[in-house]
Amino acid sequence: MEEEINIETFVIPKKKKFARKAKKAGFILSIITYPLILFFVFYVYVNFNSIIMAFQDINAVGERTFIGFDNFVRFWNQLFASEANRGEIGTAFTNSFIIYGISLVICMPLYIFFSYLLYKKCFLHKGIRAIAMIPQIISGFVICMLFVNFISGSDAPAMTIFKSLHIFLDETGEPVDLLYSPKYALGTTIFYAIWLSFGTNLIVYPNAMKEINPEIVESSRLDGVSTMFQDLRYIVLPLIFPTISTFLITGLAAIFSNGGSVLAFYNTQAPQYVLNMGYVYSRMIILNNQTNYPTLAAGGLIMTAFVAPATLLLRWALDKFGPSTEA
């Protein structure tokens, strides 16, 4: 005898369905409203206002007038002025390229080399990691103050060392102040920025190398990869290439926004020979000189016209011609 089972069907009223959807939408809206407000205010509005400002002139009392492309012409002339007439903008523009070139040609190979030593746990690898991590552990302000007091000033320890070793001396035989020497100041600030950046890079690159499957390394031995150099060239570099390409792309994108350590060393009184574009813009914001904002806004659009296509081209080239791990 078969038993009949009655299954009751519950129909949710439309009002309850609407209430559930409204609560769900309200919850999602409460989560994203604040970030959206920040995005529109601090990104959309700020960038839109900067674009409009590039075509305006601001007087001392804050009144704006439309002047067309005059700000673009003024900034362009400052960028490519002759050596004798070169001002802060032209010097900062050139120094930004110098800093990026040194970072690309010298620093990145050093980052990868020392990261590979840490990955292979070579001799003194713990000491290398400790020295590189010191600036990341201690406050950046403290590190900057210690560095300045060590190399700059008549009583600085570096001055005594230079004099005893007969290096970094001026025409009179006295040691030069590396932070205020037209010959050595830019190199000093770059050296400090490189030292600070080692900590971050010696975390990222070794961690990327640790993700390499040990079986790949073992199988490469059967193909004749026997030395550390061959291991680095044929195995490690191709497998961490996505990480390398990320640093290359972001480095080019930030070529004109990276102020380095100049602001920390000199505050708003940096000499012209150490300027870079990131510092010039940061200093102008600190000084709050509104009359210069339109020219800087036009300069931002000009530099974007340089950097944006170059960044996209670099990304395409790295994807197209970079090593591939696919079979």
C-alpha atoms as a PDB file:
ATOM      1  CA  MET A   1       0.000   0.000   0.000  1.00  0.00           C
ATOM      2  CA  GLU A   2       1.527   3.187  -1.110  1.00  0.00           C
ATOM      3  CA  GLU A   3       1.504   6.152   1.187  1.00  0.00           C
ATOM      4  CA  GLU A   4       0.875   9.533  -0.235  1.00  0.00           C
ATOM      5  CA  ILE A   5       3.231  12.283   0.928  1.00  0.00           C
ATOM      6  CA  ASN A   6       1.912  15.759   0.800  1.00  0.00           C
ATOM      7  CA  ILE A   7       4.593  18.386   0.309  1.00  0.00           C
ATOM      8  CA  GLU A   8       3.465  21.835   1.165  1.00  0.00           C
ATOM      9  CA  THR A   9       4.804  24.639  -0.964  1.00  0.00           C
ATOM     10  CA  PHE A  10       5.620  27.863   0.806  1.00  0.00           C
ATOM     11  CA  VAL A  11       5.331  30.994  -1.242  1.00  0.00           C
ATOM     12  CA  ILE A  12       7.340  33.929   0.068  1.00  0.00           C
ATOM     13  CA  PRO A  13       5.283  37.093  -0.104  1.00  0.00           C
ATOM     14  CA  LYS A  14       6.518  39.751  -2.490  1.00  0.00           C
ATOM     15  CA  LYS A  15       6.885  42.216   0.349  1.00  0.00           C
ATOM     16  CA  LYS A  16       9.309  39.931   2.182  1.00  0.00           C
ATOM     17  CA  LYS A  17      11.286  39.318  -1.018  1.00  0.00           C
ATOM     18  CA  PHE A  18      11.573  43.035  -1.564  1.00  0.00           C
ATOM     19  CA  ALA A  19      12.567  43.564   2.082  1.00  0.00           C
ATOM     20  CA  ARG A  20      15.340  40.956   1.793  1.00  0.00           C
ATOM     21  CA  LYS A  21      16.670  42.492  -1.407  1.00  0.00           C
ATOM     22  CA  ALA A  22      16.504  45.959   0.124  1.00  0.00           C
ATOM     23  CA  LYS A  23      18.459  44.821   3.192  1.00  0.00           C
ATOM     24  CA  LYS A  24      21.066  43.142   1.001  1.00  0.00           C
ATOM     25  CA  ALA A  25      21.408  46.223  -1.206  1.00  0.00           C
ATOM     26  CA  GLY A  26      21.544  48.468   1.847  1.00  0.00           C
ATOM     27  CA  PHE A  27      24.321  46.394   3.389  1.00  0.00           C
ATOM     28  CA  ILE A  28      26.380  46.454   0.186  1.00  0.00           C
ATOM     29  CA  LEU A  29      25.758  50.176  -0.210  1.00  0.00           C
ATOM     30  CA  SER A  30      26.876  50.852   3.362  1.00  0.00           C
ATOM     31  CA  ILE A  31      30.155  49.063   2.648  1.00  0.00           C
ATOM     32  CA  ILE A  32      31.023  50.791  -0.640  1.00  0.00           C
ATOM     33  CA  THR A  33      29.628  54.301  -0.028  1.00  0.00           C
ATOM     34  CA  TYR A  34      32.596  55.634   1.940  1.00  0.00           C
ATOM     35  CA  PRO A  35      35.263  54.303  -0.476  1.00  0.00           C
ATOM     36  CA  LEU A  36      33.266  55.694  -3.405  1.00  0.00           C
ATOM     37  CA  ILE A  37      33.095  59.122  -1.774  1.00  0.00           C
ATOM     38  CA  LEU A  38      36.871  59.077  -1.237  1.00  0.00           C
ATOM     39  CA  PHE A  39      37.413  57.962  -4.841  1.00  0.00           C
ATOM     40  CA  PHE A  40      35.269  60.716  -6.337  1.00  0.00           C
ATOM     41  CA  VAL A  41      36.611  63.446  -4.052  1.00  0.00           C
ATOM     42  CA  PHE A  42      40.329  62.605  -3.920  1.00  0.00           C
ATOM     43  CA  TYR A  43      40.748  61.080  -7.399  1.00  0.00           C
ATOM     44  CA  VAL A  44      38.040  62.151  -9.817  1.00  0.00           C
ATOM     45  CA  TYR A  45      37.543  65.694  -8.513  1.00  0.00           C
ATOM     46  CA  VAL A  46      41.234  66.340  -7.818  1.00  0.00           C
ATOM     47  CA  ASN A  47      42.333  65.148 -11.256  1.00  0.00           C
ATOM     48  CA  PHE A  48      39.508  66.986 -13.017  1.00  0.00           C
ATOM     49  CA  ASN A  49      40.387  70.179 -11.147  1.00  0.00           C
ATOM     50  CA  SER A  50      44.059  69.704 -12.023  1.00  0.00           C
ATOM     51  CA  ILE A  51      43.211  69.390 -15.728  1.00  0.00           C
ATOM     52  CA  ILE A  52      41.087  72.552 -15.634  1.00  0.00           C
ATOM     53  CA  MET A  53      43.790  74.386 -13.655  1.00  0.00           C
ATOM     54  CA  ALA A  54      46.363  73.635 -16.373  1.00  0.00           C
ATOM     55  CA  PHE A  55      44.540  76.092 -18.644  1.00  0.00           C
ATOM     56  CA  GLN A  56      44.134  78.808 -16.002  1.00  0.00           C
ATOM     57  CA  ASP A  57      46.166  81.413 -14.172  1.00  0.00           C
ATOM     58  CA  ILE A  58      45.852  82.011 -10.409  1.00  0.00           C
ATOM     59  CA  ASN A  59      46.811  85.348  -8.895  1.00  0.00           C
ATOM     60  CA  ALA A  60      47.900  86.059  -5.329  1.00  0.00           C
ATOM     61  CA  VAL A  61      44.318  86.349  -4.040  1.00  0.00           C
ATOM     62  CA  GLY A  62      43.189  83.094  -5.666  1.00  0.00           C
ATOM     63  CA  GLU A  63      41.278  84.500  -8.663  1.00  0.00           C
ATOM     64  CA  ARG A  64      41.378  82.309 -11.762  1.00  0.00           C
ATOM     65  CA  THR A  65      41.492  83.387 -15.394  1.00  0.00           C
ATOM     66  CA  PHE A  66      41.596  81.287 -18.561  1.00  0.00           C
ATOM     67  CA  ILE A  67      44.903  81.631 -20.443  1.00  0.00           C
ATOM     68  CA  GLY A  68      44.794  78.710 -22.872  1.00  0.00           C
ATOM     69  CA  PHE A  69      48.030  76.785 -23.421  1.00  0.00           C
ATOM     70  CA  ASP A  70      50.385  79.353 -21.883  1.00  0.00           C
ATOM     71  CA  ASN A  71      51.163  77.111 -18.890  1.00  0.00           C
ATOM     72  CA  PHE A  72      52.097  74.246 -21.204  1.00  0.00           C
ATOM     73  CA  VAL A  73      54.441  76.480 -23.194  1.00  0.00           C
ATOM     74  CA  ARG A  74      56.015  77.841 -20.006  1.00  0.00           C
ATOM     75  CA  PHE A  75      56.616  74.376 -18.528  1.00  0.00           C
ATOM     76  CA  TRP A  76      57.903  73.004 -21.848  1.00  0.00           C
ATOM     77  CA  ASN A  77      60.409  75.832 -22.154  1.00  0.00           C
ATOM     78  CA  GLN A  78      61.628  75.175 -18.624  1.00  0.00           C
ATOM     79  CA  LEU A  79      62.047  71.463 -19.367  1.00  0.00           C
ATOM     80  CA  PHE A  80      64.278  71.958 -22.381  1.00  0.00           C
ATOM     81  CA  ALA A  81      66.015  75.212 -21.522  1.00  0.00           C
ATOM     82  CA  SER A  82      69.694  75.562 -22.374  1.00  0.00           C
ATOM     83  CA  GLU A  83      72.311  74.552 -19.821  1.00  0.00           C
ATOM     84  CA  ALA A  84      73.043  78.176 -18.951  1.00  0.00           C
ATOM     85  CA  ASN A  85      69.358  79.050 -18.436  1.00  0.00           C
ATOM     86  CA  ARG A  86      68.217  75.766 -16.918  1.00  0.00           C
ATOM     87  CA  GLY A  87      66.083  76.255 -13.838  1.00  0.00           C
ATOM     88  CA  GLU A  88      64.687  73.917 -11.215  1.00  0.00           C
ATOM     89  CA  ILE A  89      62.225  72.162 -13.546  1.00  0.00           C
ATOM     90  CA  GLY A  90      64.844  71.319 -16.171  1.00  0.00           C
ATOM     91  CA  THR A  91      67.330  70.060 -13.584  1.00  0.00           C
ATOM     92  CA  ALA A  92      64.680  68.028 -11.782  1.00  0.00           C
ATOM     93  CA  PHE A  93      63.518  66.503 -15.088  1.00  0.00           C
ATOM     94  CA  THR A  94      67.055  65.404 -15.955  1.00  0.00           C
ATOM     95  CA  ASN A  95      67.775  64.078 -12.457  1.00  0.00           C
ATOM     96  CA  SER A  96      64.585  61.984 -12.502  1.00  0.00           C
ATOM     97  CA  PHE A  97      65.852  60.171 -15.589  1.00  0.00           C
ATOM     98  CA  ILE A  98      69.274  59.725 -14.003  1.00  0.00           C
ATOM     99  CA  ILE A  99      67.717  58.205 -10.882  1.00  0.00           C
ATOM    100  CA  TYR A 100      65.563  55.838 -12.924  1.00  0.00           C
ATOM    101  CA  GLY A 101      68.502  54.831 -15.124  1.00  0.00           C
ATOM    102  CA  ILE A 102      70.662  54.004 -12.100  1.00  0.00           C
ATOM    103  CA  SER A 103      67.793  52.067 -10.550  1.00  0.00           C
ATOM    104  CA  LEU A 104      67.315  50.090 -13.758  1.00  0.00           C
ATOM    105  CA  VAL A 105      70.932  49.422 -14.763  1.00  0.00           C
ATOM    106  CA  ILE A 106      72.652  49.094 -11.369  1.00  0.00           C
ATOM    107  CA  CYS A 107      70.110  48.572  -8.606  1.00  0.00           C
ATOM    108  CA  MET A 108      67.863  45.917 -10.119  1.00  0.00           C
ATOM    109  CA  PRO A 109      70.762  43.541 -10.950  1.00  0.00           C
ATOM    110  CA  LEU A 110      72.048  44.028  -7.398  1.00  0.00           C
ATOM    111  CA  TYR A 111      68.591  43.326  -5.944  1.00  0.00           C
ATOM    112  CA  ILE A 112      68.323  40.104  -7.935  1.00  0.00           C
ATOM    113  CA  PHE A 113      71.903  39.039  -7.174  1.00  0.00           C
ATOM    114  CA  PHE A 114      71.638  39.506  -3.407  1.00  0.00           C
ATOM    115  CA  SER A 115      68.156  37.961  -3.410  1.00  0.00           C
ATOM    116  CA  TYR A 116      69.596  34.932  -5.173  1.00  0.00           C
ATOM    117  CA  LEU A 117      72.316  34.674  -2.514  1.00  0.00           C
ATOM    118  CA  LEU A 118      69.625  34.704   0.172  1.00  0.00           C
ATOM    119  CA  TYR A 119      67.591  32.147  -1.768  1.00  0.00           C
ATOM    120  CA  LYS A 120      70.609  29.836  -2.004  1.00  0.00           C
ATOM    121  CA  LYS A 121      71.555  30.553   1.641  1.00  0.00           C
ATOM    122  CA  CYS A 122      75.105  31.429   0.681  1.00  0.00           C
ATOM    123  CA  PHE A 123      77.848  32.499   3.059  1.00  0.00           C
ATOM    124  CA  LEU A 124      76.839  35.494   5.231  1.00  0.00           C
ATOM    125  CA  HIS A 125      73.298  35.449   3.879  1.00  0.00           C
ATOM    126  CA  LYS A 126      71.902  36.181   7.347  1.00  0.00           C
ATOM    127  CA  GLY A 127      74.230  39.162   7.755  1.00  0.00           C
ATOM    128  CA  ILE A 128      73.227  40.519   4.344  1.00  0.00           C
ATOM    129  CA  ARG A 129      69.561  40.243   5.251  1.00  0.00           C
ATOM    130  CA  ALA A 130      70.116  41.929   8.636  1.00  0.00           C
ATOM    131  CA  ILE A 131      72.008  44.882   7.127  1.00  0.00           C
ATOM    132  CA  ALA A 132      69.340  45.353   4.460  1.00  0.00           C
ATOM    133  CA  MET A 133      66.496  45.142   6.978  1.00  0.00           C
ATOM    134  CA  ILE A 134      67.854  47.681   9.484  1.00  0.00           C
ATOM    135  CA  PRO A 135      66.266  50.695   7.723  1.00  0.00           C
ATOM    136  CA  GLN A 136      62.926  48.869   7.674  1.00  0.00           C
ATOM    137  CA  ILE A 137      63.014  48.028  11.383  1.00  0.00           C
ATOM    138  CA  ILE A 138      64.072  51.434  12.737  1.00  0.00           C
ATOM    139  CA  SER A 139      62.038  54.587  12.164  1.00  0.00           C
ATOM    140  CA  GLY A 140      62.787  56.244   8.836  1.00  0.00           C
ATOM    141  CA  PHE A 141      63.213  59.608  10.558  1.00  0.00           C
ATOM    142  CA  VAL A 142      65.805  58.145  12.934  1.00  0.00           C
ATOM    143  CA  ILE A 143      67.715  56.482  10.077  1.00  0.00           C
ATOM    144  CA  CYS A 144      67.716  59.723   8.096  1.00  0.00           C
ATOM    145  CA  MET A 145      68.932  61.731  11.089  1.00  0.00           C
ATOM    146  CA  LEU A 146      71.723  59.252  11.810  1.00  0.00           C
ATOM    147  CA  PHE A 147      72.823  59.244   8.178  1.00  0.00           C
ATOM    148  CA  VAL A 148      72.883  63.051   7.955  1.00  0.00           C
ATOM    149  CA  ASN A 149      74.815  63.400  11.213  1.00  0.00           C
ATOM    150  CA  PHE A 150      77.312  60.780  10.044  1.00  0.00           C
ATOM    151  CA  ILE A 151      78.191  62.344   6.683  1.00  0.00           C
ATOM    152  CA  SER A 152      77.363  66.055   6.980  1.00  0.00           C
ATOM    153  CA  GLY A 153      78.835  68.775   9.183  1.00  0.00           C
ATOM    154  CA  SER A 154      82.334  69.744  10.268  1.00  0.00           C
ATOM    155  CA  ASP A 155      82.268  67.291  13.186  1.00  0.00           C
ATOM    156  CA  ALA A 156      80.755  64.405  11.212  1.00  0.00           C
ATOM    157  CA  PRO A 157      82.583  61.058  11.568  1.00  0.00           C
ATOM    158  CA  ALA A 158      82.682  60.723   7.780  1.00  0.00           C
ATOM    159  CA  MET A 159      84.759  63.889   7.527  1.00  0.00           C
ATOM    160  CA  THR A 160      87.468  62.404   9.736  1.00  0.00           C
ATOM    161  CA  ILE A 161      87.445  59.168   7.745  1.00  0.00           C
ATOM    162  CA  PHE A 162      87.695  61.013   4.411  1.00  0.00           C
ATOM    163  CA  LYS A 163      90.618  63.090   5.635  1.00  0.00           C
ATOM    164  CA  SER A 164      92.535  60.091   6.933  1.00  0.00           C
ATOM    165  CA  LEU A 165      91.982  58.177   3.677  1.00  0.00           C
ATOM    166  CA  HIS A 166      92.595  61.254   1.494  1.00  0.00           C
ATOM    167  CA  ILE A 167      89.321  60.850  -0.394  1.00  0.00           C
ATOM    168  CA  PHE A 168      86.463  63.286  -1.152  1.00  0.00           C
ATOM    169  CA  LEU A 169      88.756  66.277  -0.585  1.00  0.00           C
ATOM    170  CA  ASP A 170      88.328  69.766  -2.072  1.00  0.00           C
ATOM    171  CA  GLU A 171      90.991  72.005  -3.585  1.00  0.00           C
ATOM    172  CA  THR A 172      92.209  73.037  -0.129  1.00  0.00           C
ATOM    173  CA  GLY A 173      92.657  69.452   1.035  1.00  0.00           C
ATOM    174  CA  GLU A 174      89.631  69.521   3.340  1.00  0.00           C
ATOM    175  CA  PRO A 175      86.900  66.857   3.150  1.00  0.00           C
ATOM    176  CA  VAL A 176      83.762  67.923   1.297  1.00  0.00           C
ATOM    177  CA  ASP A 177      80.259  67.879   2.730  1.00  0.00           C
ATOM    178  CA  LEU A 178      78.609  65.188   0.652  1.00  0.00           C
ATOM    179  CA  LEU A 179      75.114  66.638   1.066  1.00  0.00           C
ATOM    180  CA  TYR A 180      76.086  70.107  -0.171  1.00  0.00           C
ATOM    181  CA  SER A 181      78.707  69.314  -2.765  1.00  0.00           C
ATOM    182  CA  PRO A 182      77.538  69.943  -6.361  1.00  0.00           C
ATOM    183  CA  LYS A 183      79.684  66.992  -7.397  1.00  0.00           C
ATOM    184  CA  TYR A 184      78.623  64.385  -4.832  1.00  0.00           C
ATOM    185  CA  ALA A 185      75.249  65.477  -3.386  1.00  0.00           C
ATOM    186  CA  LEU A 186      73.040  63.810  -6.011  1.00  0.00           C
ATOM    187  CA  GLY A 187      74.997  60.563  -5.751  1.00  0.00           C
ATOM    188  CA  THR A 188      74.714  60.668  -1.961  1.00  0.00           C
ATOM    189  CA  THR A 189      70.931  60.985  -2.036  1.00  0.00           C
ATOM    190  CA  ILE A 190      70.690  58.186  -4.606  1.00  0.00           C
ATOM    191  CA  PHE A 191      72.935  55.934  -2.500  1.00  0.00           C
ATOM    192  CA  TYR A 192      70.716  56.490   0.547  1.00  0.00           C
ATOM    193  CA  ALA A 193      67.543  55.765  -1.446  1.00  0.00           C
ATOM    194  CA  ILE A 194      69.095  52.561  -2.812  1.00  0.00           C
ATOM    195  CA  TRP A 195      70.063  51.385   0.662  1.00  0.00           C
ATOM    196  CA  LEU A 196      66.533  51.983   1.932  1.00  0.00           C
ATOM    197  CA  SER A 197      64.994  50.135  -0.998  1.00  0.00           C
ATOM    198  CA  PHE A 198      67.103  47.006  -0.448  1.00  0.00           C
ATOM    199  CA  GLY A 199      64.937  45.885   2.476  1.00  0.00           C
ATOM    200  CA  THR A 200      61.732  45.735   0.425  1.00  0.00           C
ATOM    201  CA  ASN A 201      63.363  44.104  -2.580  1.00  0.00           C
ATOM    202  CA  LEU A 202      65.152  41.493  -0.455  1.00  0.00           C
ATOM    203  CA  ILE A 203      61.735  40.431   0.800  1.00  0.00           C
ATOM    204  CA  VAL A 204      59.893  40.323  -2.529  1.00  0.00           C
ATOM    205  CA  TYR A 205      62.471  38.645  -4.780  1.00  0.00           C
ATOM    206  CA  PRO A 206      63.554  35.829  -2.408  1.00  0.00           C
ATOM    207  CA  ASN A 207      59.909  35.016  -1.681  1.00  0.00           C
ATOM    208  CA  ALA A 208      59.250  34.788  -5.416  1.00  0.00           C
ATOM    209  CA  MET A 209      62.252  32.477  -5.758  1.00  0.00           C
ATOM    210  CA  LYS A 210      61.011  30.259  -2.944  1.00  0.00           C
ATOM    211  CA  GLU A 211      57.860  29.561  -4.965  1.00  0.00           C
ATOM    212  CA  ILE A 212      59.934  27.749  -7.602  1.00  0.00           C
ATOM    213  CA  ASN A 213      59.149  24.054  -7.562  1.00  0.00           C
ATOM    214  CA  PRO A 214      62.227  22.087  -6.371  1.00  0.00           C
ATOM    215  CA  GLU A 215      61.427  19.417  -8.958  1.00  0.00           C
ATOM    216  CA  ILE A 216      62.080  21.937 -11.719  1.00  0.00           C
ATOM    217  CA  VAL A 217      65.518  22.675 -10.294  1.00  0.00           C
ATOM    218  CA  GLU A 218      66.288  18.958  -9.935  1.00  0.00           C
ATOM    219  CA  SER A 219      65.181  18.166 -13.485  1.00  0.00           C
ATOM    220  CA  SER A 220      67.326  21.001 -14.821  1.00  0.00           C
ATOM    221  CA  ARG A 221      70.402  19.163 -13.541  1.00  0.00           C
ATOM    222  CA  LEU A 222      69.652  16.425 -16.094  1.00  0.00           C
ATOM    223  CA  ASP A 223      69.694  19.075 -18.847  1.00  0.00           C
ATOM    224  CA  GLY A 224      73.175  20.295 -17.929  1.00  0.00           C
ATOM    225  CA  VAL A 225      72.379  23.161 -15.560  1.00  0.00           C
ATOM    226  CA  SER A 226      75.175  22.692 -13.042  1.00  0.00           C
ATOM    227  CA  THR A 227      76.504  26.080 -11.873  1.00  0.00           C
ATOM    228  CA  MET A 228      74.792  28.783  -9.830  1.00  0.00           C
ATOM    229  CA  PHE A 229      75.069  31.224 -12.726  1.00  0.00           C
ATOM    230  CA  GLN A 230      73.325  28.808 -15.080  1.00  0.00           C
ATOM    231  CA  ASP A 231      70.693  28.131 -12.444  1.00  0.00           C
ATOM    232  CA  LEU A 232      70.043  31.860 -12.098  1.00  0.00           C
ATOM    233  CA  ARG A 233      69.977  32.507 -15.828  1.00  0.00           C
ATOM    234  CA  TYR A 234      67.978  29.538 -17.126  1.00  0.00           C
ATOM    235  CA  ILE A 235      65.725  28.664 -14.186  1.00  0.00           C
ATOM    236  CA  VAL A 236      65.310  31.424 -11.631  1.00  0.00           C
ATOM    237  CA  LEU A 237      65.083  34.517 -13.830  1.00  0.00           C
ATOM    238  CA  PRO A 238      62.453  33.135 -16.252  1.00  0.00           C
ATOM    239  CA  LEU A 239      60.309  31.867 -13.375  1.00  0.00           C
ATOM    240  CA  ILE A 240      60.377  35.158 -11.426  1.00  0.00           C
ATOM    241  CA  PHE A 241      60.082  37.301 -14.547  1.00  0.00           C
ATOM    242  CA  PRO A 242      56.487  38.377 -13.701  1.00  0.00           C
ATOM    243  CA  THR A 243      57.816  39.901 -10.470  1.00  0.00           C
ATOM    244  CA  ILE A 244      60.678  41.617 -12.318  1.00  0.00           C
ATOM    245  CA  SER A 245      58.330  42.993 -14.974  1.00  0.00           C
ATOM    246  CA  THR A 246      56.020  44.366 -12.268  1.00  0.00           C
ATOM    247  CA  PHE A 247      58.894  46.340 -10.734  1.00  0.00           C
ATOM    248  CA  LEU A 248      59.987  47.566 -14.175  1.00  0.00           C
ATOM    249  CA  ILE A 249      56.508  48.790 -15.084  1.00  0.00           C
ATOM    250  CA  THR A 250      55.756  50.448 -11.742  1.00  0.00           C
ATOM    251  CA  GLY A 251      59.232  52.015 -11.695  1.00  0.00           C
ATOM    252  CA  LEU A 252      58.697  53.645 -15.090  1.00  0.00           C
ATOM    253  CA  ALA A 253      55.181  54.764 -14.139  1.00  0.00           C
ATOM    254  CA  ALA A 254      56.564  56.490 -11.011  1.00  0.00           C
ATOM    255  CA  ILE A 255      59.612  58.041 -12.664  1.00  0.00           C
ATOM    256  CA  PHE A 256      58.363  61.609 -12.113  1.00  0.00           C
ATOM    257  CA  SER A 257      56.557  61.071  -8.806  1.00  0.00           C
ATOM    258  CA  ASN A 258      59.385  59.472  -6.829  1.00  0.00           C
ATOM    259  CA  GLY A 259      60.962  62.145  -4.635  1.00  0.00           C
ATOM    260  CA  GLY A 260      63.543  59.856  -3.080  1.00  0.00           C
ATOM    261  CA  SER A 261      65.186  61.063   0.119  1.00  0.00           C
ATOM    262  CA  VAL A 262      65.648  64.714  -0.901  1.00  0.00           C
ATOM    263  CA  LEU A 263      62.757  66.027   1.189  1.00  0.00           C
ATOM    264  CA  ALA A 264      63.995  64.128   4.253  1.00  0.00           C
ATOM    265  CA  PHE A 265      67.509  65.572   3.921  1.00  0.00           C
ATOM    266  CA  TYR A 266      66.828  69.182   2.976  1.00  0.00           C
ATOM    267  CA  ASN A 267      63.191  69.868   3.879  1.00  0.00           C
ATOM    268  CA  THR A 268      62.212  72.704   1.498  1.00  0.00           C
ATOM    269  CA  GLN A 269      65.746  74.102   1.128  1.00  0.00           C
ATOM    270  CA  ALA A 270      67.296  71.574  -1.257  1.00  0.00           C
ATOM    271  CA  PRO A 271      69.974  72.934  -3.641  1.00  0.00           C
ATOM    272  CA  GLN A 272      69.134  72.827  -7.314  1.00  0.00           C
ATOM    273  CA  TYR A 273      71.636  70.099  -8.228  1.00  0.00           C
ATOM    274  CA  VAL A 274      69.782  67.405  -6.194  1.00  0.00           C
ATOM    275  CA  LEU A 275      66.226  68.209  -7.308  1.00  0.00           C
ATOM    276  CA  ASN A 276      63.897  65.691  -8.901  1.00  0.00           C
ATOM    277  CA  MET A 277      60.327  66.061 -10.122  1.00  0.00           C
ATOM    278  CA  GLY A 278      58.768  64.286  -7.159  1.00  0.00           C
ATOM    279  CA  TYR A 279      60.528  66.630  -4.734  1.00  0.00           C
ATOM    280  CA  VAL A 280      59.650  69.773  -6.708  1.00  0.00           C
ATOM    281  CA  TYR A 281      55.949  68.945  -6.610  1.00  0.00           C
ATOM    282  CA  SER A 282      56.050  67.925  -2.930  1.00  0.00           C
ATOM    283  CA  ARG A 283      57.868  71.118  -1.945  1.00  0.00           C
ATOM    284  CA  MET A 284      55.408  73.280  -3.855  1.00  0.00           C
ATOM    285  CA  ILE A 285      52.519  71.668  -1.985  1.00  0.00           C
ATOM    286  CA  ILE A 286      54.261  72.250   1.355  1.00  0.00           C
ATOM    287  CA  LEU A 287      54.990  75.876   0.527  1.00  0.00           C
ATOM    288  CA  ASN A 288      51.393  76.270  -0.729  1.00  0.00           C
ATOM    289  CA  ASN A 289      52.328  78.765  -3.451  1.00  0.00           C
ATOM    290  CA  GLN A 290      49.097  78.704  -5.448  1.00  0.00           C
ATOM    291  CA  THR A 291      50.425  80.913  -8.241  1.00  0.00           C
ATOM    292  CA  ASN A 292      52.670  78.040  -9.377  1.00  0.00           C
ATOM    293  CA  TYR A 293      49.934  75.392  -9.336  1.00  0.00           C
ATOM    294  CA  PRO A 294      48.701  75.971 -12.926  1.00  0.00           C
ATOM    295  CA  THR A 295      52.187  75.543 -14.389  1.00  0.00           C
ATOM    296  CA  LEU A 296      52.725  72.391 -12.345  1.00  0.00           C
ATOM    297  CA  ALA A 297      49.296  71.084 -13.407  1.00  0.00           C
ATOM    298  CA  ALA A 298      50.246  71.603 -17.051  1.00  0.00           C
ATOM    299  CA  GLY A 299      53.554  69.877 -16.342  1.00  0.00           C
ATOM    300  CA  GLY A 300      51.691  66.916 -14.892  1.00  0.00           C
ATOM    301  CA  LEU A 301      49.738  66.498 -18.126  1.00  0.00           C
ATOM    302  CA  ILE A 302      52.905  66.834 -20.203  1.00  0.00           C
ATOM    303  CA  MET A 303      54.737  64.214 -18.130  1.00  0.00           C
ATOM    304  CA  THR A 304      51.695  61.929 -18.292  1.00  0.00           C
ATOM    305  CA  ALA A 305      51.859  62.227 -22.066  1.00  0.00           C
ATOM    306  CA  PHE A 306      55.465  60.969 -21.804  1.00  0.00           C
ATOM    307  CA  VAL A 307      55.001  58.254 -19.199  1.00  0.00           C
ATOM    308  CA  ALA A 308      51.628  56.689 -20.044  1.00  0.00           C
ATOM    309  CA  PRO A 309      52.514  55.554 -23.609  1.00  0.00           C
ATOM    310  CA  ALA A 310      56.006  54.510 -22.484  1.00  0.00           C
ATOM    311  CA  THR A 311      54.556  52.406 -19.653  1.00  0.00           C
ATOM    312  CA  LEU A 312      52.033  50.704 -21.952  1.00  0.00           C
ATOM    313  CA  LEU A 313      54.763  50.092 -24.533  1.00  0.00           C
ATOM    314  CA  LEU A 314      57.055  48.602 -21.887  1.00  0.00           C
ATOM    315  CA  ARG A 315      54.279  46.330 -20.655  1.00  0.00           C
ATOM    316  CA  TRP A 316      53.581  45.156 -24.200  1.00  0.00           C
ATOM    317  CA  ALA A 317      57.281  44.535 -24.871  1.00  0.00           C
ATOM    318  CA  LEU A 318      57.746  42.555 -21.649  1.00  0.00           C
ATOM    319  CA  ASP A 319      54.693  40.402 -22.407  1.00  0.00           C
ATOM    320  CA  LYS A 320      55.737  39.928 -26.010  1.00  0.00           C
ATOM    321  CA  PHE A 321      59.470  39.306 -25.728  1.00  0.00           C
ATOM    322  CA  GLY A 322      59.893  38.266 -22.089  1.00  0.00           C
ATOM    323  CA  PRO A 323      60.736  34.657 -21.201  1.00  0.00           C
ATOM    324  CA  SER A 324      57.784  32.308 -21.032  1.00  0.00           C
ATOM    325  CA  THR A 325      57.404  29.316 -18.714  1.00  0.00           C
ATOM    326  CA  GLU A 326      54.828  27.623 -20.929  1.00  0.00           C
ATOM    327  CA  ALA A 327      55.833  24.549 -22.848  1.00  0.00           C
END
